[in-house]
Amino acid sequence: LYSTTVQHWVPPELLGRLSAFGAVGSFAVGPLGLAAAGPLSARYGTG
């Protein structure tokens, strides 16, 4: 649904910029959340 919506609504000249923001979120900020998940799970439980 995300890919379909982006291709339908985002102008072609902006697709690269939008993809770059998504990549930063996934590959730069995402690992910070994963790194925090372990200690938080140890303290508060996985559930």
All heavy atoms as atom14 arrays in JSON, in Angstrom:
{
  "sequence": "LYSTTVQHWVPPELLGRLSAFGAVGSFAVGPLGLAAAGPLSARYGTG",
  "atom14_mask": [
    [1, 1, 1, 1, 1, 1, 1, 1, 0, 0, 0, 0, 0, 0],
    [1, 1, 1, 1, 1, 1, 1, 1, 1, 1, 1, 1, 0, 0],
    [1, 1, 1, 1, 1, 1, 0, 0, 0, 0, 0, 0, 0, 0],
    [1, 1, 1, 1, 1, 1, 1, 0, 0, 0, 0, 0, 0, 0],
    [1, 1, 1, 1, 1, 1, 1, 0, 0, 0, 0, 0, 0, 0],
    [1, 1, 1, 1, 1, 1, 1, 0, 0, 0, 0, 0, 0, 0],
    [1, 1, 1, 1, 1, 1, 1, 1, 1, 0, 0, 0, 0, 0],
    [1, 1, 1, 1, 1, 1, 1, 1, 1, 1, 0, 0, 0, 0],
    [1, 1, 1, 1, 1, 1, 1, 1, 1, 1, 1, 1, 1, 1],
    [1, 1, 1, 1, 1, 1, 1, 0, 0, 0, 0, 0, 0, 0],
    [1, 1, 1, 1, 1, 1, 1, 0, 0, 0, 0, 0, 0, 0],
    [1, 1, 1, 1, 1, 1, 1, 0, 0, 0, 0, 0, 0, 0],
    [1, 1, 1, 1, 1, 1, 1, 1, 1, 0, 0, 0, 0, 0],
    [1, 1, 1, 1, 1, 1, 1, 1, 0, 0, 0, 0, 0, 0],
    [1, 1, 1, 1, 1, 1, 1, 1, 0, 0, 0, 0, 0, 0],
    [1, 1, 1, 1, 0, 0, 0, 0, 0, 0, 0, 0, 0, 0],
    [1, 1, 1, 1, 1, 1, 1, 1, 1, 1, 1, 0, 0, 0],
    [1, 1, 1, 1, 1, 1, 1, 1, 0, 0, 0, 0, 0, 0],
    [1, 1, 1, 1, 1, 1, 0, 0, 0, 0, 0, 0, 0, 0],
    [1, 1, 1, 1, 1, 0, 0, 0, 0, 0, 0, 0, 0, 0],
    [1, 1, 1, 1, 1, 1, 1, 1, 1, 1, 1, 0, 0, 0],
    [1, 1, 1, 1, 0, 0, 0, 0, 0, 0, 0, 0, 0, 0],
    [1, 1, 1, 1, 1, 0, 0, 0, 0, 0, 0, 0, 0, 0],
    [1, 1, 1, 1, 1, 1, 1, 0, 0, 0, 0, 0, 0, 0],
    [1, 1, 1, 1, 0, 0, 0, 0, 0, 0, 0, 0, 0, 0],
    [1, 1, 1, 1, 1, 1, 0, 0, 0, 0, 0, 0, 0, 0],
    [1, 1, 1, 1, 1, 1, 1, 1, 1, 1, 1, 0, 0, 0],
    [1, 1, 1, 1, 1, 0, 0, 0, 0, 0, 0, 0, 0, 0],
    [1, 1, 1, 1, 1, 1, 1, 0, 0, 0, 0, 0, 0, 0],
    [1, 1, 1, 1, 0, 0, 0, 0, 0, 0, 0, 0, 0, 0],
    [1, 1, 1, 1, 1, 1, 1, 0, 0, 0, 0, 0, 0, 0],
    [1, 1, 1, 1, 1, 1, 1, 1, 0, 0, 0, 0, 0, 0],
    [1, 1, 1, 1, 0, 0, 0, 0, 0, 0, 0, 0, 0, 0],
    [1, 1, 1, 1, 1, 1, 1, 1, 0, 0, 0, 0, 0, 0],
    [1, 1, 1, 1, 1, 0, 0, 0, 0, 0, 0, 0, 0, 0],
    [1, 1, 1, 1, 1, 0, 0, 0, 0, 0, 0, 0, 0, 0],
    [1, 1, 1, 1, 1, 0, 0, 0, 0, 0, 0, 0, 0, 0],
    [1, 1, 1, 1, 0, 0, 0, 0, 0, 0, 0, 0, 0, 0],
    [1, 1, 1, 1, 1, 1, 1, 0, 0, 0, 0, 0, 0, 0],
    [1, 1, 1, 1, 1, 1, 1, 1, 0, 0, 0, 0, 0, 0],
    [1, 1, 1, 1, 1, 1, 0, 0, 0, 0, 0, 0, 0, 0],
    [1, 1, 1, 1, 1, 0, 0, 0, 0, 0, 0, 0, 0, 0],
    [1, 1, 1, 1, 1, 1, 1, 1, 1, 1, 1, 0, 0, 0],
    [1, 1, 1, 1, 1, 1, 1, 1, 1, 1, 1, 1, 0, 0],
    [1, 1, 1, 1, 0, 0, 0, 0, 0, 0, 0, 0, 0, 0],
    [1, 1, 1, 1, 1, 1, 1, 0, 0, 0, 0, 0, 0, 0],
    [1, 1, 1, 1, 0, 0, 0, 0, 0, 0, 0, 0, 0, 0]
  ],
  "atom14_positions": [
    [[0.83, -1.21, 0.0], [0.0, 0.0, 0.0], [0.87, 1.26, 0.0], [0.56, 2.23, -0.68], [-0.93, 0.0, 1.21], [-2.07, -0.99, 1.17], [-2.81, -1.0, 2.5], [-3.02, -0.68, 0.04], [0.0, 0.0, 0.0], [0.0, 0.0, 0.0], [0.0, 0.0, 0.0], [0.0, 0.0, 0.0], [0.0, 0.0, 0.0], [0.0, 0.0, 0.0]],
    [[1.95, 1.24, 0.77], [2.85, 2.4, 0.81], [3.46, 2.67, -0.56], [3.44, 3.8, -1.05], [3.94, 2.16, 1.86], [4.97, 3.27, 1.88], [4.7, 4.47, 2.52], [6.2, 3.11, 1.26], [5.63, 5.49, 2.54], [7.13, 4.13, 1.28], [6.85, 5.32, 1.91], [7.78, 6.33, 1.92], [0.0, 0.0, 0.0], [0.0, 0.0, 0.0]],
    [[3.99, 1.63, -1.2], [4.62, 1.8, -2.51], [3.62, 2.29, -3.55], [3.92, 3.17, -4.36], [5.24, 0.49, -2.97], [6.29, 0.13, -2.11], [0.0, 0.0, 0.0], [0.0, 0.0, 0.0], [0.0, 0.0, 0.0], [0.0, 0.0, 0.0], [0.0, 0.0, 0.0], [0.0, 0.0, 0.0], [0.0, 0.0, 0.0], [0.0, 0.0, 0.0]],
    [[2.43, 1.71, -3.54], [1.39, 2.11, -4.49], [1.0, 3.57, -4.29], [0.87, 4.33, -5.25], [0.15, 1.21, -4.34], [0.55, -0.15, -4.54], [-0.93, 1.58, -5.32], [0.0, 0.0, 0.0], [0.0, 0.0, 0.0], [0.0, 0.0, 0.0], [0.0, 0.0, 0.0], [0.0, 0.0, 0.0], [0.0, 0.0, 0.0], [0.0, 0.0, 0.0]],
    [[0.82, 3.97, -3.03], [0.42, 5.34, -2.73], [1.51, 6.33, -3.12], [1.23, 7.38, -3.71], [0.09, 5.47, -1.23], [-0.93, 4.53, -0.91], [-0.38, 6.86, -0.89], [0.0, 0.0, 0.0], [0.0, 0.0, 0.0], [0.0, 0.0, 0.0], [0.0, 0.0, 0.0], [0.0, 0.0, 0.0], [0.0, 0.0, 0.0], [0.0, 0.0, 0.0]],
    [[2.75, 6.0, -2.81], [3.87, 6.89, -3.16], [3.95, 7.05, -4.68], [4.09, 8.17, -5.19], [5.19, 6.35, -2.59], [6.39, 7.04, -3.22], [5.22, 6.55, -1.08], [0.0, 0.0, 0.0], [0.0, 0.0, 0.0], [0.0, 0.0, 0.0], [0.0, 0.0, 0.0], [0.0, 0.0, 0.0], [0.0, 0.0, 0.0], [0.0, 0.0, 0.0]],
    [[3.85, 5.97, -5.42], [3.95, 6.06, -6.87], [2.79, 6.83, -7.47], [2.94, 7.46, -8.52], [4.03, 4.66, -7.47], [5.34, 3.97, -7.16], [5.37, 2.54, -7.64], [4.52, 2.1, -8.41], [6.35, 1.79, -7.19], [0.0, 0.0, 0.0], [0.0, 0.0, 0.0], [0.0, 0.0, 0.0], [0.0, 0.0, 0.0], [0.0, 0.0, 0.0]],
    [[1.62, 6.77, -6.82], [0.45, 7.46, -7.35], [0.49, 8.97, -7.06], [0.12, 9.77, -7.9], [-0.82, 6.85, -6.75], [-2.08, 7.44, -7.27], [-2.59, 7.1, -8.5], [-2.94, 8.35, -6.74], [-3.72, 7.78, -8.7], [-3.94, 8.54, -7.64], [0.0, 0.0, 0.0], [0.0, 0.0, 0.0], [0.0, 0.0, 0.0], [0.0, 0.0, 0.0]],
    [[0.94, 9.35, -5.86], [0.8, 10.73, -5.42], [2.07, 11.57, -5.49], [1.99, 12.8, -5.54], [0.26, 10.78, -3.99], [-1.17, 10.37, -3.93], [-1.64, 9.15, -3.53], [-2.3, 11.12, -4.32], [-3.0, 9.13, -3.64], [-3.45, 10.33, -4.12], [-2.47, 12.4, -4.83], [-4.72, 10.77, -4.41], [-3.75, 12.84, -5.1], [-4.86, 12.03, -4.9]],
    [[3.23, 10.98, -5.43], [4.46, 11.77, -5.39], [4.96, 12.01, -6.82], [5.09, 11.07, -7.6], [5.55, 11.03, -4.56], [6.86, 11.79, -4.59], [5.07, 10.84, -3.14], [0.0, 0.0, 0.0], [0.0, 0.0, 0.0], [0.0, 0.0, 0.0], [0.0, 0.0, 0.0], [0.0, 0.0, 0.0], [0.0, 0.0, 0.0], [0.0, 0.0, 0.0]],
    [[5.24, 13.25, -7.15], [5.76, 13.55, -8.49], [7.08, 12.8, -8.73], [7.9, 12.66, -7.81], [5.99, 15.05, -8.48], [5.14, 15.58, -7.37], [5.05, 14.48, -6.36], [0.0, 0.0, 0.0], [0.0, 0.0, 0.0], [0.0, 0.0, 0.0], [0.0, 0.0, 0.0], [0.0, 0.0, 0.0], [0.0, 0.0, 0.0], [0.0, 0.0, 0.0]],
    [[7.3, 12.33, -9.96], [8.5, 11.53, -10.25], [9.8, 12.21, -9.86], [10.73, 11.56, -9.4], [8.42, 11.32, -11.76], [6.98, 11.46, -12.11], [6.43, 12.45, -11.13], [0.0, 0.0, 0.0], [0.0, 0.0, 0.0], [0.0, 0.0, 0.0], [0.0, 0.0, 0.0], [0.0, 0.0, 0.0], [0.0, 0.0, 0.0], [0.0, 0.0, 0.0]],
    [[9.88, 13.53, -10.0], [11.13, 14.22, -9.68], [11.42, 14.26, -8.17], [12.52, 14.6, -7.76], [11.14, 15.64, -10.26], [10.08, 16.55, -9.7], [8.74, 16.49, -10.44], [8.54, 15.61, -11.29], [7.89, 17.34, -10.15], [0.0, 0.0, 0.0], [0.0, 0.0, 0.0], [0.0, 0.0, 0.0], [0.0, 0.0, 0.0], [0.0, 0.0, 0.0]],
    [[10.44, 13.92, -7.34], [10.64, 13.91, -5.9], [10.75, 12.52, -5.3], [10.98, 12.37, -4.09], [9.5, 14.67, -5.21], [9.38, 16.15, -5.53], [8.18, 16.77, -4.83], [10.66, 16.88, -5.16], [0.0, 0.0, 0.0], [0.0, 0.0, 0.0], [0.0, 0.0, 0.0], [0.0, 0.0, 0.0], [0.0, 0.0, 0.0], [0.0, 0.0, 0.0]],
    [[10.6, 11.48, -6.11], [10.65, 10.12, -5.59], [12.0, 9.79, -4.95], [12.06, 9.13, -3.91], [10.34, 9.11, -6.7], [8.87, 8.98, -7.1], [8.72, 8.08, -8.31], [8.04, 8.48, -5.95], [0.0, 0.0, 0.0], [0.0, 0.0, 0.0], [0.0, 0.0, 0.0], [0.0, 0.0, 0.0], [0.0, 0.0, 0.0], [0.0, 0.0, 0.0]],
    [[13.08, 10.24, -5.54], [14.41, 9.98, -4.99], [14.59, 10.61, -3.62], [15.13, 9.99, -2.7], [0.0, 0.0, 0.0], [0.0, 0.0, 0.0], [0.0, 0.0, 0.0], [0.0, 0.0, 0.0], [0.0, 0.0, 0.0], [0.0, 0.0, 0.0], [0.0, 0.0, 0.0], [0.0, 0.0, 0.0], [0.0, 0.0, 0.0], [0.0, 0.0, 0.0]],
    [[14.12, 11.83, -3.47], [14.24, 12.53, -2.18], [13.41, 11.82, -1.11], [13.88, 11.62, 0.02], [13.77, 13.98, -2.34], [14.02, 14.8, -1.1], [13.76, 16.26, -1.34], [14.66, 16.75, -2.39], [14.46, 17.86, -3.07], [13.42, 18.6, -2.83], [15.3, 18.23, -4.0], [0.0, 0.0, 0.0], [0.0, 0.0, 0.0], [0.0, 0.0, 0.0]],
    [[12.2, 11.42, -1.47], [11.36, 10.71, -0.52], [11.99, 9.37, -0.12], [12.0, 8.99, 1.05], [9.97, 10.48, -1.09], [9.0, 9.77, -0.16], [8.63, 10.67, 1.0], [7.77, 9.33, -0.91], [0.0, 0.0, 0.0], [0.0, 0.0, 0.0], [0.0, 0.0, 0.0], [0.0, 0.0, 0.0], [0.0, 0.0, 0.0], [0.0, 0.0, 0.0]],
    [[12.54, 8.67, -1.09], [13.2, 7.4, -0.8], [14.41, 7.61, 0.11], [14.68, 6.77, 0.97], [13.64, 6.73, -2.1], [12.53, 6.4, -2.88], [0.0, 0.0, 0.0], [0.0, 0.0, 0.0], [0.0, 0.0, 0.0], [0.0, 0.0, 0.0], [0.0, 0.0, 0.0], [0.0, 0.0, 0.0], [0.0, 0.0, 0.0], [0.0, 0.0, 0.0]],
    [[15.12, 8.71, -0.07], [16.28, 8.99, 0.78], [15.85, 9.21, 2.23], [16.51, 8.71, 3.15], [17.01, 10.22, 0.25], [0.0, 0.0, 0.0], [0.0, 0.0, 0.0], [0.0, 0.0, 0.0], [0.0, 0.0, 0.0], [0.0, 0.0, 0.0], [0.0, 0.0, 0.0], [0.0, 0.0, 0.0], [0.0, 0.0, 0.0], [0.0, 0.0, 0.0]],
    [[14.77, 9.94, 2.44], [14.28, 10.13, 3.81], [13.88, 8.8, 4.43], [14.14, 8.54, 5.6], [13.1, 11.1, 3.84], [13.5, 12.54, 3.78], [13.17, 13.31, 2.69], [14.21, 13.12, 4.82], [13.53, 14.65, 2.62], [14.58, 14.45, 4.78], [14.24, 15.22, 3.67], [0.0, 0.0, 0.0], [0.0, 0.0, 0.0], [0.0, 0.0, 0.0]],
    [[13.22, 7.94, 3.65], [12.86, 6.62, 4.15], [14.07, 5.78, 4.49], [14.09, 5.07, 5.5], [0.0, 0.0, 0.0], [0.0, 0.0, 0.0], [0.0, 0.0, 0.0], [0.0, 0.0, 0.0], [0.0, 0.0, 0.0], [0.0, 0.0, 0.0], [0.0, 0.0, 0.0], [0.0, 0.0, 0.0], [0.0, 0.0, 0.0], [0.0, 0.0, 0.0]],
    [[15.09, 5.87, 3.68], [16.32, 5.11, 3.94], [17.01, 5.59, 5.2], [17.51, 4.79, 5.99], [17.26, 5.2, 2.74], [0.0, 0.0, 0.0], [0.0, 0.0, 0.0], [0.0, 0.0, 0.0], [0.0, 0.0, 0.0], [0.0, 0.0, 0.0], [0.0, 0.0, 0.0], [0.0, 0.0, 0.0], [0.0, 0.0, 0.0], [0.0, 0.0, 0.0]],
    [[17.04, 6.9, 5.42], [17.64, 7.43, 6.65], [16.89, 6.91, 7.86], [17.49, 6.49, 8.86], [17.67, 8.97, 6.63], [18.0, 9.54, 8.01], [18.67, 9.46, 5.61], [0.0, 0.0, 0.0], [0.0, 0.0, 0.0], [0.0, 0.0, 0.0], [0.0, 0.0, 0.0], [0.0, 0.0, 0.0], [0.0, 0.0, 0.0], [0.0, 0.0, 0.0]],
    [[15.58, 6.91, 7.78], [14.78, 6.39, 8.89], [15.02, 4.92, 9.15], [15.14, 4.48, 10.3], [0.0, 0.0, 0.0], [0.0, 0.0, 0.0], [0.0, 0.0, 0.0], [0.0, 0.0, 0.0], [0.0, 0.0, 0.0], [0.0, 0.0, 0.0], [0.0, 0.0, 0.0], [0.0, 0.0, 0.0], [0.0, 0.0, 0.0], [0.0, 0.0, 0.0]],
    [[15.15, 4.16, 8.09], [15.32, 2.72, 8.24], [16.73, 2.33, 8.66], [16.91, 1.49, 9.54], [15.0, 2.02, 6.92], [13.66, 2.21, 6.57], [0.0, 0.0, 0.0], [0.0, 0.0, 0.0], [0.0, 0.0, 0.0], [0.0, 0.0, 0.0], [0.0, 0.0, 0.0], [0.0, 0.0, 0.0], [0.0, 0.0, 0.0], [0.0, 0.0, 0.0]],
    [[17.72, 2.92, 8.02], [19.08, 2.47, 8.21], [19.89, 3.27, 9.22], [20.94, 2.82, 9.68], [19.82, 2.44, 6.87], [19.2, 1.49, 5.9], [18.64, 1.94, 4.72], [19.16, 0.13, 6.17], [18.05, 1.06, 3.83], [18.57, -0.76, 5.28], [18.02, -0.29, 4.11], [0.0, 0.0, 0.0], [0.0, 0.0, 0.0], [0.0, 0.0, 0.0]],
    [[19.44, 4.45, 9.57], [20.19, 5.26, 10.54], [19.49, 5.3, 11.89], [20.1, 5.07, 12.92], [20.39, 6.67, 10.0], [0.0, 0.0, 0.0], [0.0, 0.0, 0.0], [0.0, 0.0, 0.0], [0.0, 0.0, 0.0], [0.0, 0.0, 0.0], [0.0, 0.0, 0.0], [0.0, 0.0, 0.0], [0.0, 0.0, 0.0], [0.0, 0.0, 0.0]],
    [[18.19, 5.58, 11.88], [17.46, 5.72, 13.14], [16.95, 4.36, 13.63], [16.93, 4.1, 14.83], [16.29, 6.71, 12.96], [15.52, 6.88, 14.25], [16.82, 8.06, 12.49], [0.0, 0.0, 0.0], [0.0, 0.0, 0.0], [0.0, 0.0, 0.0], [0.0, 0.0, 0.0], [0.0, 0.0, 0.0], [0.0, 0.0, 0.0], [0.0, 0.0, 0.0]],
    [[16.58, 3.47, 12.71], [16.06, 2.15, 13.09], [16.98, 1.37, 14.0], [16.52, 0.81, 15.02], [0.0, 0.0, 0.0], [0.0, 0.0, 0.0], [0.0, 0.0, 0.0], [0.0, 0.0, 0.0], [0.0, 0.0, 0.0], [0.0, 0.0, 0.0], [0.0, 0.0, 0.0], [0.0, 0.0, 0.0], [0.0, 0.0, 0.0], [0.0, 0.0, 0.0]],
    [[18.26, 1.29, 13.7], [19.17, 0.54, 14.59], [19.24, 1.12, 16.01], [19.49, 0.38, 16.96], [20.52, 0.65, 13.89], [20.17, 0.79, 12.44], [18.92, 1.64, 12.44], [0.0, 0.0, 0.0], [0.0, 0.0, 0.0], [0.0, 0.0, 0.0], [0.0, 0.0, 0.0], [0.0, 0.0, 0.0], [0.0, 0.0, 0.0], [0.0, 0.0, 0.0]],
    [[19.01, 2.41, 16.16], [18.99, 2.98, 17.51], [17.83, 2.4, 18.32], [17.98, 2.09, 19.51], [18.88, 4.5, 17.45], [20.04, 5.23, 16.76], [19.76, 6.73, 16.68], [21.33, 4.97, 17.5], [0.0, 0.0, 0.0], [0.0, 0.0, 0.0], [0.0, 0.0, 0.0], [0.0, 0.0, 0.0], [0.0, 0.0, 0.0], [0.0, 0.0, 0.0]],
    [[16.68, 2.26, 17.67], [15.54, 1.64, 18.34], [15.79, 0.18, 18.67], [15.42, -0.3, 19.74], [0.0, 0.0, 0.0], [0.0, 0.0, 0.0], [0.0, 0.0, 0.0], [0.0, 0.0, 0.0], [0.0, 0.0, 0.0], [0.0, 0.0, 0.0], [0.0, 0.0, 0.0], [0.0, 0.0, 0.0], [0.0, 0.0, 0.0], [0.0, 0.0, 0.0]],
    [[16.44, -0.52, 17.73], [16.76, -1.93, 18.0], [17.76, -2.05, 19.14], [17.67, -2.97, 19.97], [17.31, -2.58, 16.74], [16.31, -2.74, 15.59], [17.02, -3.24, 14.34], [15.18, -3.66, 15.99], [0.0, 0.0, 0.0], [0.0, 0.0, 0.0], [0.0, 0.0, 0.0], [0.0, 0.0, 0.0], [0.0, 0.0, 0.0], [0.0, 0.0, 0.0]],
    [[18.72, -1.13, 19.21], [19.7, -1.15, 20.3], [19.04, -0.87, 21.64], [19.44, -1.42, 22.67], [20.81, -0.14, 20.03], [0.0, 0.0, 0.0], [0.0, 0.0, 0.0], [0.0, 0.0, 0.0], [0.0, 0.0, 0.0], [0.0, 0.0, 0.0], [0.0, 0.0, 0.0], [0.0, 0.0, 0.0], [0.0, 0.0, 0.0], [0.0, 0.0, 0.0]],
    [[18.03, -0.05, 21.65], [17.32, 0.26, 22.89], [16.35, -0.85, 23.3], [16.04, -1.0, 24.48], [16.55, 1.58, 22.73], [0.0, 0.0, 0.0], [0.0, 0.0, 0.0], [0.0, 0.0, 0.0], [0.0, 0.0, 0.0], [0.0, 0.0, 0.0], [0.0, 0.0, 0.0], [0.0, 0.0, 0.0], [0.0, 0.0, 0.0], [0.0, 0.0, 0.0]],
    [[15.89, -1.64, 22.34], [14.88, -2.67, 22.63], [15.4, -3.72, 23.6], [14.67, -4.19, 24.48], [14.41, -3.33, 21.33], [0.0, 0.0, 0.0], [0.0, 0.0, 0.0], [0.0, 0.0, 0.0], [0.0, 0.0, 0.0], [0.0, 0.0, 0.0], [0.0, 0.0, 0.0], [0.0, 0.0, 0.0], [0.0, 0.0, 0.0], [0.0, 0.0, 0.0]],
    [[16.66, -4.11, 23.47], [17.22, -5.13, 24.35], [17.22, -4.71, 25.81], [16.64, -5.41, 26.66], [0.0, 0.0, 0.0], [0.0, 0.0, 0.0], [0.0, 0.0, 0.0], [0.0, 0.0, 0.0], [0.0, 0.0, 0.0], [0.0, 0.0, 0.0], [0.0, 0.0, 0.0], [0.0, 0.0, 0.0], [0.0, 0.0, 0.0], [0.0, 0.0, 0.0]],
    [[17.86, -3.6, 26.14], [17.86, -3.16, 27.54], [16.46, -2.88, 28.09], [16.16, -3.18, 29.25], [18.7, -1.88, 27.53], [19.56, -2.0, 26.31], [18.75, -2.78, 25.31], [0.0, 0.0, 0.0], [0.0, 0.0, 0.0], [0.0, 0.0, 0.0], [0.0, 0.0, 0.0], [0.0, 0.0, 0.0], [0.0, 0.0, 0.0], [0.0, 0.0, 0.0]],
    [[15.59, -2.3, 27.25], [14.23, -2.03, 27.71], [13.48, -3.32, 27.98], [12.72, -3.43, 28.95], [13.48, -1.17, 26.69], [13.95, 0.28, 26.58], [13.26, 0.99, 25.42], [13.69, 1.02, 27.89], [0.0, 0.0, 0.0], [0.0, 0.0, 0.0], [0.0, 0.0, 0.0], [0.0, 0.0, 0.0], [0.0, 0.0, 0.0], [0.0, 0.0, 0.0]],
    [[13.68, -4.34, 27.11], [13.03, -5.63, 27.33], [13.56, -6.31, 28.58], [12.81, -6.98, 29.29], [13.25, -6.55, 26.12], [12.55, -6.05, 25.0], [0.0, 0.0, 0.0], [0.0, 0.0, 0.0], [0.0, 0.0, 0.0], [0.0, 0.0, 0.0], [0.0, 0.0, 0.0], [0.0, 0.0, 0.0], [0.0, 0.0, 0.0], [0.0, 0.0, 0.0]],
    [[14.85, -6.16, 28.84], [15.42, -6.75, 30.05], [14.83, -6.11, 31.3], [14.6, -6.78, 32.3], [16.94, -6.6, 30.03], [0.0, 0.0, 0.0], [0.0, 0.0, 0.0], [0.0, 0.0, 0.0], [0.0, 0.0, 0.0], [0.0, 0.0, 0.0], [0.0, 0.0, 0.0], [0.0, 0.0, 0.0], [0.0, 0.0, 0.0], [0.0, 0.0, 0.0]],
    [[14.58, -4.82, 31.22], [14.06, -4.12, 32.39], [12.56, -4.26, 32.56], [12.06, -4.47, 33.66], [14.43, -2.65, 32.31], [13.93, -1.88, 33.49], [14.47, -0.5, 33.57], [13.89, 0.16, 34.71], [14.58, 0.77, 35.63], [15.89, 0.81, 35.54], [13.99, 1.36, 36.63], [0.0, 0.0, 0.0], [0.0, 0.0, 0.0], [0.0, 0.0, 0.0]],
    [[11.8, -4.13, 31.45], [10.33, -4.1, 31.53], [9.66, -5.36, 30.99], [8.45, -5.48, 31.06], [9.79, -2.88, 30.78], [10.31, -1.58, 31.33], [11.23, -0.83, 30.63], [9.9, -1.12, 32.58], [11.72, 0.36, 31.13], [10.38, 0.07, 33.1], [11.29, 0.81, 32.36], [11.77, 1.98, 32.87], [0.0, 0.0, 0.0], [0.0, 0.0, 0.0]],
    [[10.42, -6.25, 30.38], [9.86, -7.47, 29.82], [9.5, -7.25, 28.35], [9.14, -6.14, 27.93], [0.0, 0.0, 0.0], [0.0, 0.0, 0.0], [0.0, 0.0, 0.0], [0.0, 0.0, 0.0], [0.0, 0.0, 0.0], [0.0, 0.0, 0.0], [0.0, 0.0, 0.0], [0.0, 0.0, 0.0], [0.0, 0.0, 0.0], [0.0, 0.0, 0.0]],
    [[9.59, -8.33, 27.6], [9.29, -8.25, 26.17], [7.85, -7.83, 25.92], [7.56, -7.01, 25.05], [9.56, -9.61, 25.49], [10.91, -9.99, 25.77], [9.35, -9.55, 24.0], [0.0, 0.0, 0.0], [0.0, 0.0, 0.0], [0.0, 0.0, 0.0], [0.0, 0.0, 0.0], [0.0, 0.0, 0.0], [0.0, 0.0, 0.0], [0.0, 0.0, 0.0]],
    [[6.94, -8.41, 26.7], [5.53, -8.06, 26.53], [5.26, -6.6, 26.75], [4.48, -5.98, 26.01], [0.0, 0.0, 0.0], [0.0, 0.0, 0.0], [0.0, 0.0, 0.0], [0.0, 0.0, 0.0], [0.0, 0.0, 0.0], [0.0, 0.0, 0.0], [0.0, 0.0, 0.0], [0.0, 0.0, 0.0], [0.0, 0.0, 0.0], [0.0, 0.0, 0.0]]
  ]
}
